[in-house]
N, C-alpha and C. Protein backbone atom coordinates (compact mmCIF):
# COMPACT_ATOMS: atom_id res chain seq x y z
N MET A 1 -0.60 -11.26 -0.13
CA MET A 1 0.14 -10.54 -0.52
C MET A 1 -0.45 -9.50 -1.50
N LEU A 2 0.68 -8.51 -1.54
CA LEU A 2 0.49 -7.22 -2.20
C LEU A 2 1.12 -7.09 -3.41
N VAL A 3 0.46 -6.87 -4.80
CA VAL A 3 0.99 -6.19 -5.74
C VAL A 3 0.86 -5.01 -6.13
N VAL A 4 1.97 -4.41 -6.57
CA VAL A 4 1.70 -2.68 -6.55
C VAL A 4 2.29 -2.79 -8.18
N VAL A 5 1.53 -1.95 -8.82
CA VAL A 5 1.50 -1.78 -10.41
C VAL A 5 1.29 -0.39 -10.68
N THR A 6 2.55 0.00 -11.18
CA THR A 6 2.77 1.39 -11.15
C THR A 6 3.20 1.57 -13.03
N ARG A 7 2.59 2.57 -13.60
CA ARG A 7 2.43 2.71 -14.94
C ARG A 7 2.99 4.16 -15.12
N PHE A 8 3.97 4.06 -16.46
CA PHE A 8 4.59 5.55 -16.79
C PHE A 8 4.47 5.59 -18.28
N THR A 9 4.53 6.85 -18.44
CA THR A 9 4.58 7.22 -19.99
C THR A 9 6.03 7.89 -20.01
N VAL A 10 6.93 7.43 -20.83
CA VAL A 10 8.24 7.73 -20.78
C VAL A 10 8.78 8.24 -22.39
N PRO A 11 9.01 9.28 -22.78
CA PRO A 11 9.40 9.73 -24.27
C PRO A 11 10.58 8.59 -24.46
N ASP A 12 10.86 8.45 -25.94
CA ASP A 12 11.92 7.48 -26.36
C ASP A 12 12.99 8.13 -25.83
N SER A 13 13.12 9.36 -25.85
CA SER A 13 14.49 10.12 -25.49
C SER A 13 15.01 9.82 -24.22
N ASP A 14 14.06 9.37 -23.28
CA ASP A 14 14.49 9.17 -21.84
C ASP A 14 14.27 7.78 -21.25
N ALA A 15 14.21 6.88 -22.28
CA ALA A 15 14.02 5.64 -22.21
C ALA A 15 15.18 4.92 -21.42
N ALA A 16 16.44 5.11 -21.64
CA ALA A 16 17.52 4.55 -21.29
C ALA A 16 17.76 5.18 -19.79
N ARG A 17 17.65 6.49 -19.34
CA ARG A 17 17.53 7.12 -18.01
C ARG A 17 16.42 6.59 -17.08
N PHE A 18 15.35 6.36 -17.93
CA PHE A 18 14.32 5.89 -16.95
C PHE A 18 14.43 4.42 -16.55
N ARG A 19 15.11 3.58 -17.39
CA ARG A 19 15.25 2.27 -16.98
C ARG A 19 16.63 2.07 -16.06
N ASP A 20 17.42 2.96 -16.02
CA ASP A 20 18.46 3.17 -15.09
C ASP A 20 17.93 3.46 -13.75
N ARG A 21 16.78 4.66 -13.61
CA ARG A 21 16.21 5.02 -12.61
C ARG A 21 15.46 3.85 -11.95
N ALA A 22 14.76 3.23 -12.69
CA ALA A 22 13.80 2.15 -12.09
C ALA A 22 14.53 0.92 -11.75
N GLU A 23 15.67 0.54 -12.19
CA GLU A 23 16.82 -0.43 -11.61
C GLU A 23 17.26 0.20 -10.30
N ALA A 24 17.48 1.15 -10.22
CA ALA A 24 17.91 1.71 -8.94
C ALA A 24 16.73 1.65 -7.86
N ALA A 25 15.49 2.17 -8.33
CA ALA A 25 14.43 2.20 -7.44
C ALA A 25 14.20 0.59 -6.79
N LEU A 26 14.29 -0.15 -7.88
CA LEU A 26 14.00 -1.62 -7.40
C LEU A 26 15.11 -2.12 -6.52
N GLY A 27 16.16 -1.80 -6.61
CA GLY A 27 17.30 -2.08 -5.83
C GLY A 27 17.17 -1.57 -4.55
N ALA A 28 16.76 -0.36 -4.19
CA ALA A 28 16.33 0.21 -2.92
C ALA A 28 15.05 -0.51 -2.32
N LEU A 29 14.17 -0.64 -3.12
CA LEU A 29 12.75 -1.54 -2.56
C LEU A 29 13.14 -2.91 -2.07
N SER A 30 14.07 -3.39 -3.05
CA SER A 30 14.05 -4.93 -2.69
C SER A 30 15.15 -5.10 -1.35
N ALA A 31 15.78 -4.08 -0.87
CA ALA A 31 16.21 -4.21 0.40
C ALA A 31 15.47 -3.74 1.68
N ARG A 32 13.96 -3.80 1.46
CA ARG A 32 13.26 -3.61 2.56
C ARG A 32 12.32 -5.02 2.99
N PRO A 33 11.99 -4.77 4.39
CA PRO A 33 11.52 -5.93 4.72
C PRO A 33 10.15 -6.34 3.78
N GLY A 34 9.81 -7.49 3.73
CA GLY A 34 8.37 -7.94 3.15
C GLY A 34 8.59 -7.87 1.50
N TYR A 35 9.78 -7.47 1.01
CA TYR A 35 9.83 -7.52 -0.51
C TYR A 35 9.95 -8.81 -1.18
N GLN A 36 9.23 -9.18 -1.92
CA GLN A 36 8.95 -10.58 -2.47
C GLN A 36 9.64 -10.39 -3.86
N GLY A 37 9.53 -9.34 -4.69
CA GLY A 37 10.13 -9.35 -6.18
C GLY A 37 9.72 -8.03 -6.78
N GLY A 38 10.14 -7.80 -8.04
CA GLY A 38 9.85 -6.89 -8.83
C GLY A 38 10.09 -6.89 -10.44
N ARG A 39 9.49 -6.10 -11.17
CA ARG A 39 9.89 -6.34 -12.45
C ARG A 39 9.69 -4.80 -13.32
N ILE A 40 10.37 -4.71 -14.17
CA ILE A 40 10.44 -3.52 -14.87
C ILE A 40 9.97 -4.00 -16.59
N ALA A 41 8.96 -3.26 -16.94
CA ALA A 41 8.41 -4.05 -18.23
C ALA A 41 8.28 -2.75 -19.13
N ARG A 42 8.13 -3.14 -20.45
CA ARG A 42 7.74 -2.16 -21.24
C ARG A 42 6.80 -2.37 -22.42
N ALA A 43 5.82 -1.70 -22.62
CA ALA A 43 4.80 -2.36 -23.69
C ALA A 43 5.12 -2.70 -24.80
N VAL A 44 4.83 -4.07 -25.67
CA VAL A 44 5.19 -4.33 -26.87
C VAL A 44 4.72 -3.49 -28.14
N ASP A 45 3.49 -3.09 -27.78
CA ASP A 45 2.74 -2.06 -28.84
C ASP A 45 3.24 -0.60 -28.82
N ASP A 46 3.68 -0.07 -27.80
CA ASP A 46 4.12 1.19 -27.37
C ASP A 46 5.00 1.34 -26.51
N ALA A 47 6.41 1.75 -27.21
CA ALA A 47 7.37 1.71 -26.42
C ALA A 47 7.55 2.84 -25.28
N THR A 48 6.59 3.99 -25.52
CA THR A 48 6.59 5.00 -24.29
C THR A 48 5.90 4.43 -23.08
N ARG A 49 5.33 3.40 -22.88
CA ARG A 49 4.54 2.89 -22.10
C ARG A 49 5.22 1.87 -21.07
N TRP A 50 5.75 2.21 -19.96
CA TRP A 50 6.61 1.40 -18.97
C TRP A 50 5.61 0.91 -17.96
N LEU A 51 6.08 -0.25 -17.07
CA LEU A 51 5.42 -0.66 -15.79
C LEU A 51 6.38 -1.30 -14.74
N LEU A 52 6.36 -0.68 -13.65
CA LEU A 52 7.27 -1.30 -12.65
C LEU A 52 6.23 -2.00 -11.60
N THR A 53 6.47 -3.15 -11.44
CA THR A 53 5.56 -4.06 -10.44
C THR A 53 6.41 -4.48 -9.54
N THR A 54 5.87 -4.67 -8.24
CA THR A 54 6.69 -5.04 -6.93
C THR A 54 5.51 -6.03 -6.31
N GLU A 55 5.96 -7.20 -5.60
CA GLU A 55 5.13 -7.84 -5.00
C GLU A 55 5.80 -7.85 -3.24
N TRP A 56 4.87 -7.77 -2.33
CA TRP A 56 5.01 -7.41 -1.06
C TRP A 56 4.45 -8.56 0.03
N ASP A 57 4.82 -8.75 1.03
CA ASP A 57 4.02 -9.64 2.12
C ASP A 57 2.67 -9.26 2.31
N HIS A 58 2.48 -7.94 2.55
CA HIS A 58 1.32 -7.29 2.46
C HIS A 58 1.37 -5.71 2.35
N VAL A 59 0.43 -4.95 2.70
CA VAL A 59 0.36 -3.60 2.30
C VAL A 59 1.17 -2.94 3.55
N GLY A 60 1.09 -3.50 4.54
CA GLY A 60 2.11 -2.53 5.55
C GLY A 60 3.43 -2.83 5.31
N SER A 61 4.09 -3.78 4.66
CA SER A 61 5.41 -3.71 4.62
C SER A 61 5.67 -2.83 3.35
N TYR A 62 4.86 -2.86 2.24
CA TYR A 62 5.11 -1.90 1.19
C TYR A 62 4.99 -0.39 1.61
N ARG A 63 4.03 0.16 2.62
CA ARG A 63 3.90 1.18 3.03
C ARG A 63 4.99 1.69 3.85
N ARG A 64 5.26 0.65 4.75
CA ARG A 64 6.39 0.95 5.60
C ARG A 64 7.93 1.28 4.69
N SER A 65 8.08 0.52 3.76
CA SER A 65 9.35 0.68 2.72
C SER A 65 9.48 1.84 2.26
N LEU A 66 8.29 2.68 1.89
CA LEU A 66 8.21 4.06 1.37
C LEU A 66 8.72 4.98 2.28
N SER A 67 8.74 4.93 3.54
CA SER A 67 9.52 5.86 4.45
C SER A 67 10.96 5.54 4.69
N ALA A 68 11.74 4.61 4.33
CA ALA A 68 13.01 4.44 4.23
C ALA A 68 13.92 5.51 3.61
N PHE A 69 15.11 6.03 4.17
CA PHE A 69 15.53 6.99 3.57
C PHE A 69 16.21 6.74 2.03
N ASP A 70 16.63 5.39 1.71
CA ASP A 70 17.12 5.05 0.56
C ASP A 70 16.10 4.86 -0.43
N VAL A 71 14.88 4.61 -0.22
CA VAL A 71 13.51 4.49 -0.98
C VAL A 71 13.17 5.74 -1.12
N LYS A 72 13.11 6.81 -0.22
CA LYS A 72 12.74 8.31 -0.51
C LYS A 72 13.98 9.04 -1.34
N MET A 73 15.16 8.67 -1.65
CA MET A 73 16.07 9.17 -2.20
C MET A 73 16.20 8.72 -3.49
N THR A 74 15.78 7.40 -3.87
CA THR A 74 16.01 6.72 -5.15
C THR A 74 14.59 6.20 -5.74
N ALA A 75 13.73 5.81 -4.99
CA ALA A 75 12.42 5.27 -5.53
C ALA A 75 11.19 6.54 -5.50
N THR A 76 11.07 7.26 -4.69
CA THR A 76 10.12 8.16 -4.60
C THR A 76 10.04 9.38 -5.59
N PRO A 77 11.46 9.69 -5.97
CA PRO A 77 11.17 10.74 -7.11
C PRO A 77 10.74 10.10 -8.46
N LEU A 78 11.21 8.61 -8.56
CA LEU A 78 10.63 8.07 -9.86
C LEU A 78 9.13 7.75 -9.54
N LEU A 79 8.58 7.30 -8.56
CA LEU A 79 7.48 6.88 -8.52
C LEU A 79 6.34 8.23 -8.78
N ALA A 80 6.94 9.50 -8.53
CA ALA A 80 6.00 10.57 -8.66
C ALA A 80 5.77 11.08 -10.12
N LEU A 81 6.66 10.21 -10.68
CA LEU A 81 6.37 10.75 -12.22
C LEU A 81 5.33 9.51 -12.87
N ALA A 82 4.73 8.71 -11.89
CA ALA A 82 3.97 7.66 -12.64
C ALA A 82 2.13 8.29 -12.66
N ALA A 83 1.57 7.57 -13.66
CA ALA A 83 0.23 7.72 -13.77
C ALA A 83 -0.38 7.89 -12.54
N GLU A 84 -1.36 8.82 -12.44
CA GLU A 84 -2.14 8.96 -11.30
C GLU A 84 -3.35 8.12 -10.89
N GLU A 85 -3.15 6.96 -10.36
CA GLU A 85 -4.31 6.06 -10.56
C GLU A 85 -3.85 4.82 -9.18
N PRO A 86 -4.81 4.47 -9.03
CA PRO A 86 -4.78 3.46 -7.83
C PRO A 86 -3.46 2.32 -8.30
N SER A 87 -2.57 1.91 -7.41
CA SER A 87 -1.52 1.20 -7.89
C SER A 87 -1.26 -0.25 -6.97
N ALA A 88 -1.77 -0.24 -5.54
CA ALA A 88 -1.61 -1.43 -4.71
C ALA A 88 -3.03 -2.08 -4.78
N TYR A 89 -2.75 -3.54 -5.22
CA TYR A 89 -3.55 -4.38 -5.18
C TYR A 89 -3.44 -5.57 -4.37
N GLU A 90 -4.20 -6.07 -3.47
CA GLU A 90 -4.27 -7.44 -2.62
C GLU A 90 -4.70 -8.55 -3.34
N VAL A 91 -3.96 -9.41 -3.25
CA VAL A 91 -4.01 -10.62 -4.00
C VAL A 91 -5.15 -11.57 -3.39
N LEU A 92 -6.24 -11.91 -3.90
CA LEU A 92 -7.41 -12.57 -3.40
C LEU A 92 -7.29 -13.97 -3.67
N TYR A 93 -6.47 -14.44 -4.75
CA TYR A 93 -6.58 -15.60 -5.41
C TYR A 93 -5.22 -15.69 -6.19
N GLY A 94 -4.58 -16.86 -6.29
CA GLY A 94 -3.47 -16.82 -7.36
C GLY A 94 -3.28 -18.42 -7.61
N ASP A 95 -2.85 -18.78 -8.79
CA ASP A 95 -2.61 -19.85 -9.17
C ASP A 95 -1.35 -20.06 -9.90
N GLY A 96 -0.31 -19.38 -9.45
CA GLY A 96 1.04 -19.53 -10.01
C GLY A 96 1.88 -20.40 -9.03
N PRO A 97 3.14 -20.50 -9.26
CA PRO A 97 4.03 -21.34 -8.10
C PRO A 97 3.91 -20.76 -6.73
N GLY A 98 3.74 -21.92 -5.84
CA GLY A 98 3.57 -21.40 -4.37
C GLY A 98 2.05 -20.87 -3.95
N ALA A 99 1.20 -20.68 -5.11
CA ALA A 99 -0.17 -20.13 -4.66
C ALA A 99 -0.96 -21.21 -4.44
N ALA A 100 -1.06 -22.50 -5.36
CA ALA A 100 -1.76 -23.56 -5.44
C ALA A 100 -3.31 -23.28 -5.33
N GLY A 101 -3.77 -22.00 -5.98
CA GLY A 101 -5.15 -22.02 -5.89
C GLY A 101 -5.61 -21.35 -4.67
N ALA A 102 -4.71 -20.65 -4.06
CA ALA A 102 -4.74 -20.10 -2.32
C ALA A 102 -6.05 -19.07 -2.61
N VAL A 103 -7.05 -18.88 -1.81
CA VAL A 103 -7.84 -18.01 -1.88
C VAL A 103 -7.78 -17.46 -0.41
N ARG A 104 -7.69 -15.95 -0.70
CA ARG A 104 -7.57 -15.10 0.70
C ARG A 104 -8.99 -14.05 0.84
N VAL A 105 -9.20 -14.02 2.06
CA VAL A 105 -10.23 -13.01 2.42
C VAL A 105 -9.40 -11.67 2.44
N SER A 106 -10.01 -10.67 1.99
CA SER A 106 -9.54 -9.49 1.99
C SER A 106 -9.13 -8.86 3.47
N ASP A 107 -7.98 -8.20 3.15
CA ASP A 107 -7.53 -7.36 4.53
C ASP A 107 -8.31 -6.10 4.75
N ARG A 108 -9.08 -5.72 3.64
CA ARG A 108 -9.93 -4.16 3.87
C ARG A 108 -10.72 -4.39 4.85
N ALA A 109 -10.95 -3.16 5.62
CA ALA A 109 -11.90 -3.15 6.91
C ALA A 109 -13.32 -3.04 5.74
N ARG A 110 -14.31 -3.59 6.64
CA ARG A 110 -15.74 -3.61 5.69
C ARG A 110 -16.29 -2.16 5.55
N ASP A 111 -15.89 -1.33 6.38
CA ASP A 111 -16.26 0.16 6.28
C ASP A 111 -15.16 1.00 5.54
N ALA A 112 -14.33 0.25 4.84
CA ALA A 112 -13.09 1.28 3.98
C ALA A 112 -13.61 2.12 2.95
N ALA A 113 -14.70 1.94 2.60
CA ALA A 113 -15.21 2.73 1.61
C ALA A 113 -16.25 3.94 1.77
N THR A 114 -16.43 3.83 3.06
CA THR A 114 -17.41 4.91 3.71
C THR A 114 -16.39 5.61 4.65
N VAL A 115 -15.45 5.26 5.37
CA VAL A 115 -14.62 6.01 6.35
C VAL A 115 -13.23 6.34 5.91
N ALA A 116 -12.99 7.83 6.02
CA ALA A 116 -11.65 8.53 5.51
C ALA A 116 -10.94 8.43 6.42
N VAL A 117 -9.32 8.70 5.94
CA VAL A 117 -8.39 8.48 7.00
C VAL A 117 -8.67 9.75 7.74
N GLY A 118 -8.25 9.37 9.22
CA GLY A 118 -8.37 10.31 10.30
C GLY A 118 -9.96 10.29 10.68
N GLU A 119 -10.74 9.79 10.34
CA GLU A 119 -12.32 9.47 10.94
C GLU A 119 -12.21 7.95 11.69
N ALA A 120 -12.94 8.12 12.89
CA ALA A 120 -13.19 7.11 13.55
C ALA A 120 -13.76 5.94 12.89
N ALA A 121 -13.63 4.63 13.01
CA ALA A 121 -14.38 3.53 12.33
C ALA A 121 -15.13 2.99 13.43
N GLY A 122 -15.88 2.08 12.99
CA GLY A 122 -16.51 1.15 13.88
C GLY A 122 -15.47 0.06 14.52
N PRO A 123 -15.87 -0.86 15.39
CA PRO A 123 -14.95 -1.93 15.91
C PRO A 123 -14.57 -2.79 14.82
N ALA A 124 -13.53 -3.25 15.17
CA ALA A 124 -12.95 -4.32 14.10
C ALA A 124 -13.95 -5.44 13.92
N PRO A 125 -14.15 -6.00 12.90
CA PRO A 125 -15.01 -7.04 12.76
C PRO A 125 -14.72 -8.14 13.79
N GLY A 126 -16.11 -8.66 14.38
CA GLY A 126 -15.72 -9.76 15.51
C GLY A 126 -15.47 -9.10 16.87
N ARG A 127 -15.20 -7.86 16.82
CA ARG A 127 -15.24 -7.18 18.21
C ARG A 127 -16.33 -6.54 18.54
N GLU A 128 -16.50 -6.42 19.92
CA GLU A 128 -17.62 -5.45 20.31
C GLU A 128 -17.01 -4.22 20.70
N ALA A 129 -17.95 -2.97 20.57
CA ALA A 129 -17.37 -1.99 20.95
C ALA A 129 -17.16 -1.65 22.45
N GLU A 130 -16.15 -1.10 22.89
CA GLU A 130 -15.74 -1.21 24.45
C GLU A 130 -16.34 0.20 24.86
């Protein structure tokens, strides 16, 4: 499972418009394969801080959802306003409903921290180079 946590700072004067846009974004995302659920939240102690969370089957379903036309038109403009920080987290342990303490092995490649996008990596774990 993948959890996407996206944080926003929204002036009080834009709160209602932001919420409408966030609801529309969740609507577009929820129609995509692999979507499990989402939430819009506002900080209790600072009404200008908002959070949009979504849950996905895996990182691939989330990334593919971003290329859908309706998501590009509805969600992407909103996501462009988010705080610039990592937002996608793979779930390695969960104890909520349906999780039953399930432990997962990371899907990250062993060399993910050292090989950049577009560079050749070594063979997949457990496979020999051909």
